[in-house]
């Protein structure tokens, strides 16, 4: 069964650098203003949030199944897509989830 992840960054951010998550993660991409965000977080095991953006309310995290919150930094505006050696072997999202949730998934 895939590990459920909610990601508050656009999927395009990960696609641009060749770091899409593996099938072992079931990722729901949405924004902090999404009306369903609280419901999605209730059942997710991991949350990926951008380093910049609006503050998330504390009560959003009450009574959730979250085991990991991963903060990801922004890519500089106008920077060309790059593919680091880390991204070629395991995406940052996968490495973080593997560390916290299931070491053998990636």
PDB file of N, CA and C in Angstrom:
ATOM      1  N   UNK A   1       0.852  -1.177   0.000  1.00  0.00           N
ATOM      2  CA  UNK A   1       0.000   0.000   0.000  1.00  0.00           C
ATOM      3  C   UNK A   1       0.899   1.242   0.000  1.00  0.00           C
ATOM      4  N   UNK A   2       0.642   2.189  -0.913  1.00  0.00           N
ATOM      5  CA  UNK A   2       1.478   3.385  -0.969  1.00  0.00           C
ATOM      6  C   UNK A   2       1.353   4.239   0.288  1.00  0.00           C
ATOM      7  N   UNK A   3       2.421   4.923   0.605  1.00  0.00           N
ATOM      8  CA  UNK A   3       2.430   5.848   1.731  1.00  0.00           C
ATOM      9  C   UNK A   3       1.801   7.157   1.261  1.00  0.00           C
ATOM     10  N   UNK A   4       0.801   7.640   1.988  1.00  0.00           N
ATOM     11  CA  UNK A   4       0.071   8.840   1.609  1.00  0.00           C
ATOM     12  C   UNK A   4       0.845  10.088   2.032  1.00  0.00           C
ATOM     13  N   UNK A   5       1.054  10.977   1.061  1.00  0.00           N
ATOM     14  CA  UNK A   5       1.791  12.215   1.276  1.00  0.00           C
ATOM     15  C   UNK A   5       0.963  13.377   0.740  1.00  0.00           C
ATOM     16  N   UNK A   6       0.906  14.455   1.482  1.00  0.00           N
ATOM     17  CA  UNK A   6       0.313  15.697   0.999  1.00  0.00           C
ATOM     18  C   UNK A   6       1.470  16.656   0.731  1.00  0.00           C
ATOM     19  N   UNK A   7       1.475  17.243  -0.457  1.00  0.00           N
ATOM     20  CA  UNK A   7       2.552  18.144  -0.848  1.00  0.00           C
ATOM     21  C   UNK A   7       1.971  19.509  -1.185  1.00  0.00           C
ATOM     22  N   UNK A   8       2.457  20.544  -0.493  1.00  0.00           N
ATOM     23  CA  UNK A   8       1.981  21.900  -0.727  1.00  0.00           C
ATOM     24  C   UNK A   8       2.838  22.650  -1.744  1.00  0.00           C
ATOM     25  N   UNK A   9       3.675  21.929  -2.439  1.00  0.00           N
ATOM     26  CA  UNK A   9       4.433  22.496  -3.567  1.00  0.00           C
ATOM     27  C   UNK A   9       3.836  21.934  -4.847  1.00  0.00           C
ATOM     28  N   UNK A  10       3.919  22.675  -5.941  1.00  0.00           N
ATOM     29  CA  UNK A  10       3.398  22.152  -7.213  1.00  0.00           C
ATOM     30  C   UNK A  10       4.211  20.954  -7.705  1.00  0.00           C
ATOM     31  N   UNK A  11       3.539  20.016  -8.317  1.00  0.00           N
ATOM     32  CA  UNK A  11       4.222  18.851  -8.874  1.00  0.00           C
ATOM     33  C   UNK A  11       5.286  19.280  -9.885  1.00  0.00           C
ATOM     34  N   UNK A  12       5.032  20.373 -10.586  1.00  0.00           N
ATOM     35  CA  UNK A  12       5.978  20.873 -11.595  1.00  0.00           C
ATOM     36  C   UNK A  12       7.342  21.203 -10.992  1.00  0.00           C
ATOM     37  N   UNK A  13       7.386  21.615  -9.721  1.00  0.00           N
ATOM     38  CA  UNK A  13       8.672  21.904  -9.065  1.00  0.00           C
ATOM     39  C   UNK A  13       9.568  20.664  -9.052  1.00  0.00           C
ATOM     40  N   UNK A  14       8.983  19.512  -8.830  1.00  0.00           N
ATOM     41  CA  UNK A  14       9.736  18.260  -8.766  1.00  0.00           C
ATOM     42  C   UNK A  14      10.027  17.718 -10.165  1.00  0.00           C
ATOM     43  N   UNK A  15       9.057  17.864 -11.066  1.00  0.00           N
ATOM     44  CA  UNK A  15       9.236  17.391 -12.441  1.00  0.00           C
ATOM     45  C   UNK A  15      10.361  18.162 -13.130  1.00  0.00           C
ATOM     46  N   UNK A  16      10.439  19.449 -12.864  1.00  0.00           N
ATOM     47  CA  UNK A  16      11.434  20.311 -13.512  1.00  0.00           C
ATOM     48  C   UNK A  16      12.863  19.834 -13.247  1.00  0.00           C
ATOM     49  N   UNK A  17      13.111  19.251 -12.090  1.00  0.00           N
ATOM     50  CA  UNK A  17      14.467  18.794 -11.759  1.00  0.00           C
ATOM     51  C   UNK A  17      14.588  17.265 -11.788  1.00  0.00           C
ATOM     52  N   UNK A  18      13.591  16.607 -12.352  1.00  0.00           N
ATOM     53  CA  UNK A  18      13.656  15.151 -12.481  1.00  0.00           C
ATOM     54  C   UNK A  18      13.601  14.421 -11.153  1.00  0.00           C
ATOM     55  N   UNK A  19      12.820  14.940 -10.205  1.00  0.00           N
ATOM     56  CA  UNK A  19      12.765  14.341  -8.869  1.00  0.00           C
ATOM     57  C   UNK A  19      11.336  13.990  -8.468  1.00  0.00           C
ATOM     58  N   UNK A  20      10.591  13.393  -9.399  1.00  0.00           N
ATOM     59  CA  UNK A  20       9.233  12.968  -9.061  1.00  0.00           C
ATOM     60  C   UNK A  20       9.286  11.783  -8.103  1.00  0.00           C
ATOM     61  N   UNK A  21       8.310  11.692  -7.213  1.00  0.00           N
ATOM     62  CA  UNK A  21       8.314  10.600  -6.234  1.00  0.00           C
ATOM     63  C   UNK A  21       8.026   9.254  -6.890  1.00  0.00           C
ATOM     64  N   UNK A  22       8.496   8.183  -6.268  1.00  0.00           N
ATOM     65  CA  UNK A  22       8.253   6.835  -6.796  1.00  0.00           C
ATOM     66  C   UNK A  22       6.830   6.382  -6.488  1.00  0.00           C
ATOM     67  N   UNK A  23       6.382   5.299  -7.114  1.00  0.00           N
ATOM     68  CA  UNK A  23       5.030   4.781  -6.881  1.00  0.00           C
ATOM     69  C   UNK A  23       4.770   4.364  -5.429  1.00  0.00           C
ATOM     70  N   UNK A  24       5.823   4.178  -4.644  1.00  0.00           N
ATOM     71  CA  UNK A  24       5.631   3.814  -3.236  1.00  0.00           C
ATOM     72  C   UNK A  24       4.992   4.947  -2.439  1.00  0.00           C
ATOM     73  N   UNK A  25       4.984   6.162  -3.025  1.00  0.00           N
ATOM     74  CA  UNK A  25       4.339   7.302  -2.389  1.00  0.00           C
ATOM     75  C   UNK A  25       3.100   7.693  -3.182  1.00  0.00           C
ATOM     76  N   UNK A  26       2.005   7.857  -2.501  1.00  0.00           N
ATOM     77  CA  UNK A  26       0.785   8.364  -3.118  1.00  0.00           C
ATOM     78  C   UNK A  26       0.701   9.842  -2.744  1.00  0.00           C
ATOM     79  N   UNK A  27       1.069  10.711  -3.680  1.00  0.00           N
ATOM     80  CA  UNK A  27       1.192  12.137  -3.378  1.00  0.00           C
ATOM     81  C   UNK A  27      -0.022  12.906  -3.877  1.00  0.00           C
ATOM     82  N   UNK A  28      -0.592  13.706  -2.988  1.00  0.00           N
ATOM     83  CA  UNK A  28      -1.684  14.613  -3.333  1.00  0.00           C
ATOM     84  C   UNK A  28      -1.098  16.022  -3.302  1.00  0.00           C
ATOM     85  N   UNK A  29      -1.062  16.668  -4.456  1.00  0.00           N
ATOM     86  CA  UNK A  29      -0.540  18.032  -4.557  1.00  0.00           C
ATOM     87  C   UNK A  29      -1.696  19.004  -4.379  1.00  0.00           C
ATOM     88  N   UNK A  30      -1.524  19.963  -3.496  1.00  0.00           N
ATOM     89  CA  UNK A  30      -2.535  20.989  -3.281  1.00  0.00           C
ATOM     90  C   UNK A  30      -1.851  22.219  -2.701  1.00  0.00           C
ATOM     91  N   UNK A  31      -2.603  23.263  -2.523  1.00  0.00           N
ATOM     92  CA  UNK A  31      -2.047  24.498  -1.973  1.00  0.00           C
ATOM     93  C   UNK A  31      -2.528  24.742  -0.558  1.00  0.00           C
ATOM     94  N   UNK A  32      -1.876  25.662   0.138  1.00  0.00           N
ATOM     95  CA  UNK A  32      -2.265  25.941   1.529  1.00  0.00           C
ATOM     96  C   UNK A  32      -3.675  26.503   1.661  1.00  0.00           C
ATOM     97  N   UNK A  33      -4.229  27.047   0.591  1.00  0.00           N
ATOM     98  CA  UNK A  33      -5.585  27.602   0.639  1.00  0.00           C
ATOM     99  C   UNK A  33      -6.645  26.591   0.194  1.00  0.00           C
ATOM    100  N   UNK A  34      -6.240  25.381  -0.144  1.00  0.00           N
ATOM    101  CA  UNK A  34      -7.173  24.345  -0.592  1.00  0.00           C
ATOM    102  C   UNK A  34      -8.182  24.055   0.510  1.00  0.00           C
ATOM    103  N   UNK A  35      -9.450  24.091   0.171  1.00  0.00           N
ATOM    104  CA  UNK A  35     -10.521  23.873   1.154  1.00  0.00           C
ATOM    105  C   UNK A  35     -10.474  22.474   1.763  1.00  0.00           C
ATOM    106  N   UNK A  36      -9.897  21.513   1.060  1.00  0.00           N
ATOM    107  CA  UNK A  36      -9.834  20.127   1.534  1.00  0.00           C
ATOM    108  C   UNK A  36      -8.521  19.796   2.244  1.00  0.00           C
ATOM    109  N   UNK A  37      -7.634  20.777   2.417  1.00  0.00           N
ATOM    110  CA  UNK A  37      -6.318  20.513   2.995  1.00  0.00           C
ATOM    111  C   UNK A  37      -6.404  19.818   4.356  1.00  0.00           C
ATOM    112  N   UNK A  38      -7.218  20.312   5.250  1.00  0.00           N
ATOM    113  CA  UNK A  38      -7.334  19.724   6.594  1.00  0.00           C
ATOM    114  C   UNK A  38      -7.759  18.254   6.515  1.00  0.00           C
ATOM    115  N   UNK A  39      -8.691  17.938   5.628  1.00  0.00           N
ATOM    116  CA  UNK A  39      -9.153  16.555   5.477  1.00  0.00           C
ATOM    117  C   UNK A  39      -8.037  15.675   4.912  1.00  0.00           C
ATOM    118  N   UNK A  40      -7.281  16.196   3.963  1.00  0.00           N
ATOM    119  CA  UNK A  40      -6.182  15.424   3.370  1.00  0.00           C
ATOM    120  C   UNK A  40      -5.100  15.129   4.408  1.00  0.00           C
ATOM    121  N   UNK A  41      -4.784  16.094   5.243  1.00  0.00           N
ATOM    122  CA  UNK A  41      -3.728  15.933   6.245  1.00  0.00           C
ATOM    123  C   UNK A  41      -4.135  14.940   7.334  1.00  0.00           C
ATOM    124  N   UNK A  42      -5.403  14.820   7.605  1.00  0.00           N
ATOM    125  CA  UNK A  42      -5.871  13.903   8.657  1.00  0.00           C
ATOM    126  C   UNK A  42      -5.389  12.474   8.421  1.00  0.00           C
ATOM    127  N   UNK A  43      -5.347  12.039   7.163  1.00  0.00           N
ATOM    128  CA  UNK A  43      -4.994  10.657   6.867  1.00  0.00           C
ATOM    129  C   UNK A  43      -3.582  10.491   6.311  1.00  0.00           C
ATOM    130  N   UNK A  44      -2.936  11.585   5.929  1.00  0.00           N
ATOM    131  CA  UNK A  44      -1.590  11.497   5.343  1.00  0.00           C
ATOM    132  C   UNK A  44      -0.560  11.140   6.409  1.00  0.00           C
ATOM    133  N   UNK A  45       0.473  10.435   5.990  1.00  0.00           N
ATOM    134  CA  UNK A  45       1.576  10.102   6.889  1.00  0.00           C
ATOM    135  C   UNK A  45       2.699  11.129   6.808  1.00  0.00           C
ATOM    136  N   UNK A  46       2.755  11.854   5.683  1.00  0.00           N
ATOM    137  CA  UNK A  46       3.814  12.848   5.507  1.00  0.00           C
ATOM    138  C   UNK A  46       3.249  14.090   4.833  1.00  0.00           C
ATOM    139  N   UNK A  47       3.852  15.229   5.159  1.00  0.00           N
ATOM    140  CA  UNK A  47       3.468  16.517   4.590  1.00  0.00           C
ATOM    141  C   UNK A  47       4.732  17.198   4.095  1.00  0.00           C
ATOM    142  N   UNK A  48       4.727  17.628   2.842  1.00  0.00           N
ATOM    143  CA  UNK A  48       5.854  18.363   2.265  1.00  0.00           C
ATOM    144  C   UNK A  48       5.390  19.802   2.086  1.00  0.00           C
ATOM    145  N   UNK A  49       6.133  20.738   2.691  1.00  0.00           N
ATOM    146  CA  UNK A  49       5.748  22.146   2.607  1.00  0.00           C
ATOM    147  C   UNK A  49       6.919  22.963   2.081  1.00  0.00           C
ATOM    148  N   UNK A  50       6.614  24.068   1.391  1.00  0.00           N
ATOM    149  CA  UNK A  50       7.686  24.938   0.917  1.00  0.00           C
ATOM    150  C   UNK A  50       8.267  25.753   2.073  1.00  0.00           C
ATOM    151  N   UNK A  51       9.524  26.139   1.913  1.00  0.00           N
ATOM    152  CA  UNK A  51      10.184  26.939   2.949  1.00  0.00           C
ATOM    153  C   UNK A  51       9.603  28.344   3.026  1.00  0.00           C
ATOM    154  N   UNK A  52       8.975  28.793   1.965  1.00  0.00           N
ATOM    155  CA  UNK A  52       8.362  30.121   1.949  1.00  0.00           C
ATOM    156  C   UNK A  52       6.871  29.969   1.674  1.00  0.00           C
ATOM    157  N   UNK A  53       6.092  30.878   2.202  1.00  0.00           N
ATOM    158  CA  UNK A  53       4.653  30.829   1.987  1.00  0.00           C
ATOM    159  C   UNK A  53       3.915  31.208   3.250  1.00  0.00           C
ATOM    160  N   UNK A  54       2.603  31.110   3.193  1.00  0.00           N
ATOM    161  CA  UNK A  54       1.811  31.501   4.363  1.00  0.00           C
ATOM    162  C   UNK A  54       2.010  30.546   5.532  1.00  0.00           C
ATOM    163  N   UNK A  55       1.870  31.092   6.737  1.00  0.00           N
ATOM    164  CA  UNK A  55       1.959  30.272   7.952  1.00  0.00           C
ATOM    165  C   UNK A  55       0.769  29.327   7.984  1.00  0.00           C
ATOM    166  N   UNK A  56       1.036  28.081   8.312  1.00  0.00           N
ATOM    167  CA  UNK A  56      -0.043  27.110   8.450  1.00  0.00           C
ATOM    168  C   UNK A  56      -0.562  27.169   9.879  1.00  0.00           C
ATOM    169  N   UNK A  57      -1.877  27.168  10.065  1.00  0.00           N
ATOM    170  CA  UNK A  57      -2.420  27.251  11.427  1.00  0.00           C
ATOM    171  C   UNK A  57      -2.082  26.005  12.241  1.00  0.00           C
ATOM    172  N   UNK A  58      -1.803  26.207  13.512  1.00  0.00           N
ATOM    173  CA  UNK A  58      -1.451  25.095  14.399  1.00  0.00           C
ATOM    174  C   UNK A  58      -2.520  24.021  14.454  1.00  0.00           C
ATOM    175  N   UNK A  59      -3.783  24.418  14.450  1.00  0.00           N
ATOM    176  CA  UNK A  59      -4.860  23.431  14.566  1.00  0.00           C
ATOM    177  C   UNK A  59      -4.961  22.519  13.345  1.00  0.00           C
ATOM    178  N   UNK A  60      -4.313  22.884  12.256  1.00  0.00           N
ATOM    179  CA  UNK A  60      -4.284  22.036  11.068  1.00  0.00           C
ATOM    180  C   UNK A  60      -3.613  20.693  11.374  1.00  0.00           C
ATOM    181  N   UNK A  61      -2.705  20.687  12.352  1.00  0.00           N
ATOM    182  CA  UNK A  61      -1.939  19.493  12.682  1.00  0.00           C
ATOM    183  C   UNK A  61      -2.559  18.649  13.806  1.00  0.00           C
ATOM    184  N   UNK A  62      -3.654  19.115  14.381  1.00  0.00           N
ATOM    185  CA  UNK A  62      -4.306  18.375  15.476  1.00  0.00           C
ATOM    186  C   UNK A  62      -4.967  17.106  14.941  1.00  0.00           C
ATOM    187  N   UNK A  63      -4.801  16.025  15.674  1.00  0.00           N
ATOM    188  CA  UNK A  63      -5.457  14.756  15.352  1.00  0.00           C
ATOM    189  C   UNK A  63      -5.156  14.262  13.935  1.00  0.00           C
ATOM    190  N   UNK A  64      -3.906  14.346  13.531  1.00  0.00           N
ATOM    191  CA  UNK A  64      -3.519  13.845  12.213  1.00  0.00           C
ATOM    192  C   UNK A  64      -2.723  12.555  12.370  1.00  0.00           C
ATOM    193  N   UNK A  65      -2.509  11.896  11.241  1.00  0.00           N
ATOM    194  CA  UNK A  65      -1.687  10.686  11.207  1.00  0.00           C
ATOM    195  C   UNK A  65      -0.249  11.009  10.804  1.00  0.00           C
ATOM    196  N   UNK A  66       0.099  12.296  10.728  1.00  0.00           N
ATOM    197  CA  UNK A  66       1.419  12.704  10.250  1.00  0.00           C
ATOM    198  C   UNK A  66       2.543  12.133  11.104  1.00  0.00           C
ATOM    199  N   UNK A  67       3.564  11.621  10.414  1.00  0.00           N
ATOM    200  CA  UNK A  67       4.771  11.141  11.063  1.00  0.00           C
ATOM    201  C   UNK A  67       5.976  11.973  10.639  1.00  0.00           C
ATOM    202  N   UNK A  68       5.797  12.755   9.562  1.00  0.00           N
ATOM    203  CA  UNK A  68       6.901  13.530   9.012  1.00  0.00           C
ATOM    204  C   UNK A  68       6.372  14.806   8.377  1.00  0.00           C
ATOM    205  N   UNK A  69       7.034  15.924   8.670  1.00  0.00           N
ATOM    206  CA  UNK A  69       6.799  17.171   7.941  1.00  0.00           C
ATOM    207  C   UNK A  69       8.144  17.558   7.350  1.00  0.00           C
ATOM    208  N   UNK A  70       8.218  17.602   6.023  1.00  0.00           N
ATOM    209  CA  UNK A  70       9.456  17.916   5.308  1.00  0.00           C
ATOM    210  C   UNK A  70       9.338  19.314   4.732  1.00  0.00           C
ATOM    211  N   UNK A  71      10.267  20.199   5.094  1.00  0.00           N
ATOM    212  CA  UNK A  71      10.313  21.549   4.539  1.00  0.00           C
ATOM    213  C   UNK A  71      11.307  21.542   3.387  1.00  0.00           C
ATOM    214  N   UNK A  72      10.855  21.994   2.216  1.00  0.00           N
ATOM    215  CA  UNK A  72      11.729  22.026   1.049  1.00  0.00           C
ATOM    216  C   UNK A  72      12.006  23.466   0.658  1.00  0.00           C
ATOM    217  N   UNK A  73      13.227  23.751   0.271  1.00  0.00           N
ATOM    218  CA  UNK A  73      13.628  25.101  -0.114  1.00  0.00           C
ATOM    219  C   UNK A  73      13.202  25.420  -1.526  1.00  0.00           C
ATOM    220  N   UNK A  74      13.078  26.708  -1.806  1.00  0.00           N
ATOM    221  CA  UNK A  74      12.668  27.119  -3.155  1.00  0.00           C
ATOM    222  C   UNK A  74      13.842  27.042  -4.122  1.00  0.00           C
ATOM    223  N   UNK A  75      13.538  26.777  -5.382  1.00  0.00           N
ATOM    224  CA  UNK A  75      14.547  26.884  -6.430  1.00  0.00           C
ATOM    225  C   UNK A  75      14.633  28.350  -6.834  1.00  0.00           C
ATOM    226  N   UNK A  76      15.816  28.880  -7.028  1.00  0.00           N
ATOM    227  CA  UNK A  76      15.922  30.285  -7.423  1.00  0.00           C
ATOM    228  C   UNK A  76      15.155  30.555  -8.709  1.00  0.00           C
ATOM    229  N   UNK A  77      14.454  31.661  -8.767  1.00  0.00           N
ATOM    230  CA  UNK A  77      13.681  32.030  -9.950  1.00  0.00           C
ATOM    231  C   UNK A  77      14.631  32.199 -11.129  1.00  0.00           C
ATOM    232  N   UNK A  78      14.273  31.594 -12.228  1.00  0.00           N
ATOM    233  CA  UNK A  78      15.071  31.695 -13.436  1.00  0.00           C
ATOM    234  C   UNK A  78      16.230  30.725 -13.498  1.00  0.00           C
ATOM    235  N   UNK A  79      16.394  29.893 -12.468  1.00  0.00           N
ATOM    236  CA  UNK A  79      17.508  28.946 -12.497  1.00  0.00           C
ATOM    237  C   UNK A  79      17.171  27.819 -13.466  1.00  0.00           C
ATOM    238  N   UNK A  80      18.177  27.357 -14.200  1.00  0.00           N
ATOM    239  CA  UNK A  80      17.909  26.277 -15.147  1.00  0.00           C
ATOM    240  C   UNK A  80      17.659  24.975 -14.396  1.00  0.00           C
ATOM    241  N   UNK A  81      16.891  24.084 -14.985  1.00  0.00           N
ATOM    242  CA  UNK A  81      16.679  22.789 -14.338  1.00  0.00           C
ATOM    243  C   UNK A  81      18.014  22.065 -14.179  1.00  0.00           C
ATOM    244  N   UNK A  82      18.200  21.485 -13.023  1.00  0.00           N
ATOM    245  CA  UNK A  82      19.409  20.707 -12.787  1.00  0.00           C
ATOM    246  C   UNK A  82      19.010  19.351 -12.261  1.00  0.00           C
ATOM    247  N   UNK A  83      19.898  18.437 -12.378  1.00  0.00           N
ATOM    248  CA  UNK A  83      19.625  17.093 -11.885  1.00  0.00           C
ATOM    249  C   UNK A  83      20.837  16.662 -11.074  1.00  0.00           C
ATOM    250  N   UNK A  84      20.713  16.743  -9.768  1.00  0.00           N
ATOM    251  CA  UNK A  84      21.833  16.380  -8.901  1.00  0.00           C
ATOM    252  C   UNK A  84      21.954  14.867  -8.827  1.00  0.00           C
ATOM    253  N   UNK A  85      23.081  14.398  -8.343  1.00  0.00           N
ATOM    254  CA  UNK A  85      23.248  12.953  -8.194  1.00  0.00           C
ATOM    255  C   UNK A  85      22.236  12.400  -7.200  1.00  0.00           C
ATOM    256  N   UNK A  86      21.856  13.208  -6.210  1.00  0.00           N
ATOM    257  CA  UNK A  86      20.844  12.758  -5.245  1.00  0.00           C
ATOM    258  C   UNK A  86      19.500  12.575  -5.926  1.00  0.00           C
ATOM    259  N   UNK A  87      19.162  13.484  -6.844  1.00  0.00           N
ATOM    260  CA  UNK A  87      17.867  13.400  -7.522  1.00  0.00           C
ATOM    261  C   UNK A  87      17.822  12.211  -8.471  1.00  0.00           C
ATOM    262  N   UNK A  88      18.961  11.815  -9.010  1.00  0.00           N
ATOM    263  CA  UNK A  88      18.945  10.687  -9.941  1.00  0.00           C
ATOM    264  C   UNK A  88      18.726   9.372  -9.220  1.00  0.00           C
ATOM    265  N   UNK A  89      19.168   9.254  -7.992  1.00  0.00           N
ATOM    266  CA  UNK A  89      18.999   7.990  -7.293  1.00  0.00           C
ATOM    267  C   UNK A  89      17.698   7.943  -6.508  1.00  0.00           C
ATOM    268  N   UNK A  90      17.404   8.983  -5.754  1.00  0.00           N
ATOM    269  CA  UNK A  90      16.162   9.058  -4.984  1.00  0.00           C
ATOM    270  C   UNK A  90      15.760  10.517  -4.881  1.00  0.00           C
ATOM    271  N   UNK A  91      14.491  10.794  -5.086  1.00  0.00           N
ATOM    272  CA  UNK A  91      14.042  12.170  -4.975  1.00  0.00           C
ATOM    273  C   UNK A  91      14.132  12.615  -3.521  1.00  0.00           C
ATOM    274  N   UNK A  92      14.265  13.931  -3.273  1.00  0.00           N
ATOM    275  CA  UNK A  92      14.297  14.414  -1.886  1.00  0.00           C
ATOM    276  C   UNK A  92      13.060  13.988  -1.107  1.00  0.00           C
ATOM    277  N   UNK A  93      11.902  14.000  -1.776  1.00  0.00           N
ATOM    278  CA  UNK A  93      10.672  13.598  -1.099  1.00  0.00           C
ATOM    279  C   UNK A  93      10.760  12.131  -0.693  1.00  0.00           C
ATOM    280  N   UNK A  94      11.300  11.314  -1.574  1.00  0.00           N
ATOM    281  CA  UNK A  94      11.419   9.889  -1.279  1.00  0.00           C
ATOM    282  C   UNK A  94      12.417   9.643  -0.159  1.00  0.00           C
ATOM    283  N   UNK A  95      13.556  10.314  -0.198  1.00  0.00           N
ATOM    284  CA  UNK A  95      14.565  10.110   0.846  1.00  0.00           C
ATOM    285  C   UNK A  95      14.006  10.474   2.211  1.00  0.00           C
ATOM    286  N   UNK A  96      13.290  11.593   2.295  1.00  0.00           N
ATOM    287  CA  UNK A  96      12.730  12.020   3.580  1.00  0.00           C
ATOM    288  C   UNK A  96      11.703  11.014   4.081  1.00  0.00           C
ATOM    289  N   UNK A  97      10.826  10.578   3.199  1.00  0.00           N
ATOM    290  CA  UNK A  97       9.800   9.622   3.603  1.00  0.00           C
ATOM    291  C   UNK A  97      10.421   8.285   3.972  1.00  0.00           C
ATOM    292  N   UNK A  98      11.419   7.869   3.214  1.00  0.00           N
ATOM    293  CA  UNK A  98      12.062   6.589   3.505  1.00  0.00           C
ATOM    294  C   UNK A  98      12.719   6.608   4.873  1.00  0.00           C
ATOM    295  N   UNK A  99      13.347   7.709   5.203  1.00  0.00           N
ATOM    296  CA  UNK A  99      14.013   7.829   6.491  1.00  0.00           C
ATOM    297  C   UNK A  99      13.018   7.707   7.637  1.00  0.00           C
ATOM    298  N   UNK A 100      11.893   8.383   7.503  1.00  0.00           N
ATOM    299  CA  UNK A 100      10.936   8.439   8.602  1.00  0.00           C
ATOM    300  C   UNK A 100       9.912   7.309   8.606  1.00  0.00           C
ATOM    301  N   UNK A 101       9.556   6.806   7.436  1.00  0.00           N
ATOM    302  CA  UNK A 101       8.409   5.917   7.376  1.00  0.00           C
ATOM    303  C   UNK A 101       8.729   4.476   6.991  1.00  0.00           C
ATOM    304  N   UNK A 102       9.579   4.298   6.010  1.00  0.00           N
ATOM    305  CA  UNK A 102       9.840   2.945   5.519  1.00  0.00           C
ATOM    306  C   UNK A 102      11.195   2.926   4.817  1.00  0.00           C
ATOM    307  N   UNK A 103      12.268   2.603   5.519  1.00  0.00           N
ATOM    308  CA  UNK A 103      13.624   2.703   4.976  1.00  0.00           C
ATOM    309  C   UNK A 103      13.869   1.958   3.678  1.00  0.00           C
ATOM    310  N   UNK A 104      13.095   0.952   3.352  1.00  0.00           N
ATOM    311  CA  UNK A 104      13.356   0.159   2.157  1.00  0.00           C
ATOM    312  C   UNK A 104      12.457   0.503   0.970  1.00  0.00           C
ATOM    313  N   UNK A 105      11.717   1.602   1.048  1.00  0.00           N
ATOM    314  CA  UNK A 105      10.755   1.880  -0.003  1.00  0.00           C
ATOM    315  C   UNK A 105      11.337   2.463  -1.267  1.00  0.00           C
ATOM    316  N   UNK A 106      12.478   3.153  -1.203  1.00  0.00           N
ATOM    317  CA  UNK A 106      13.041   3.813  -2.392  1.00  0.00           C
ATOM    318  C   UNK A 106      14.269   3.090  -2.878  1.00  0.00           C
TER     319      UNK A 106
END
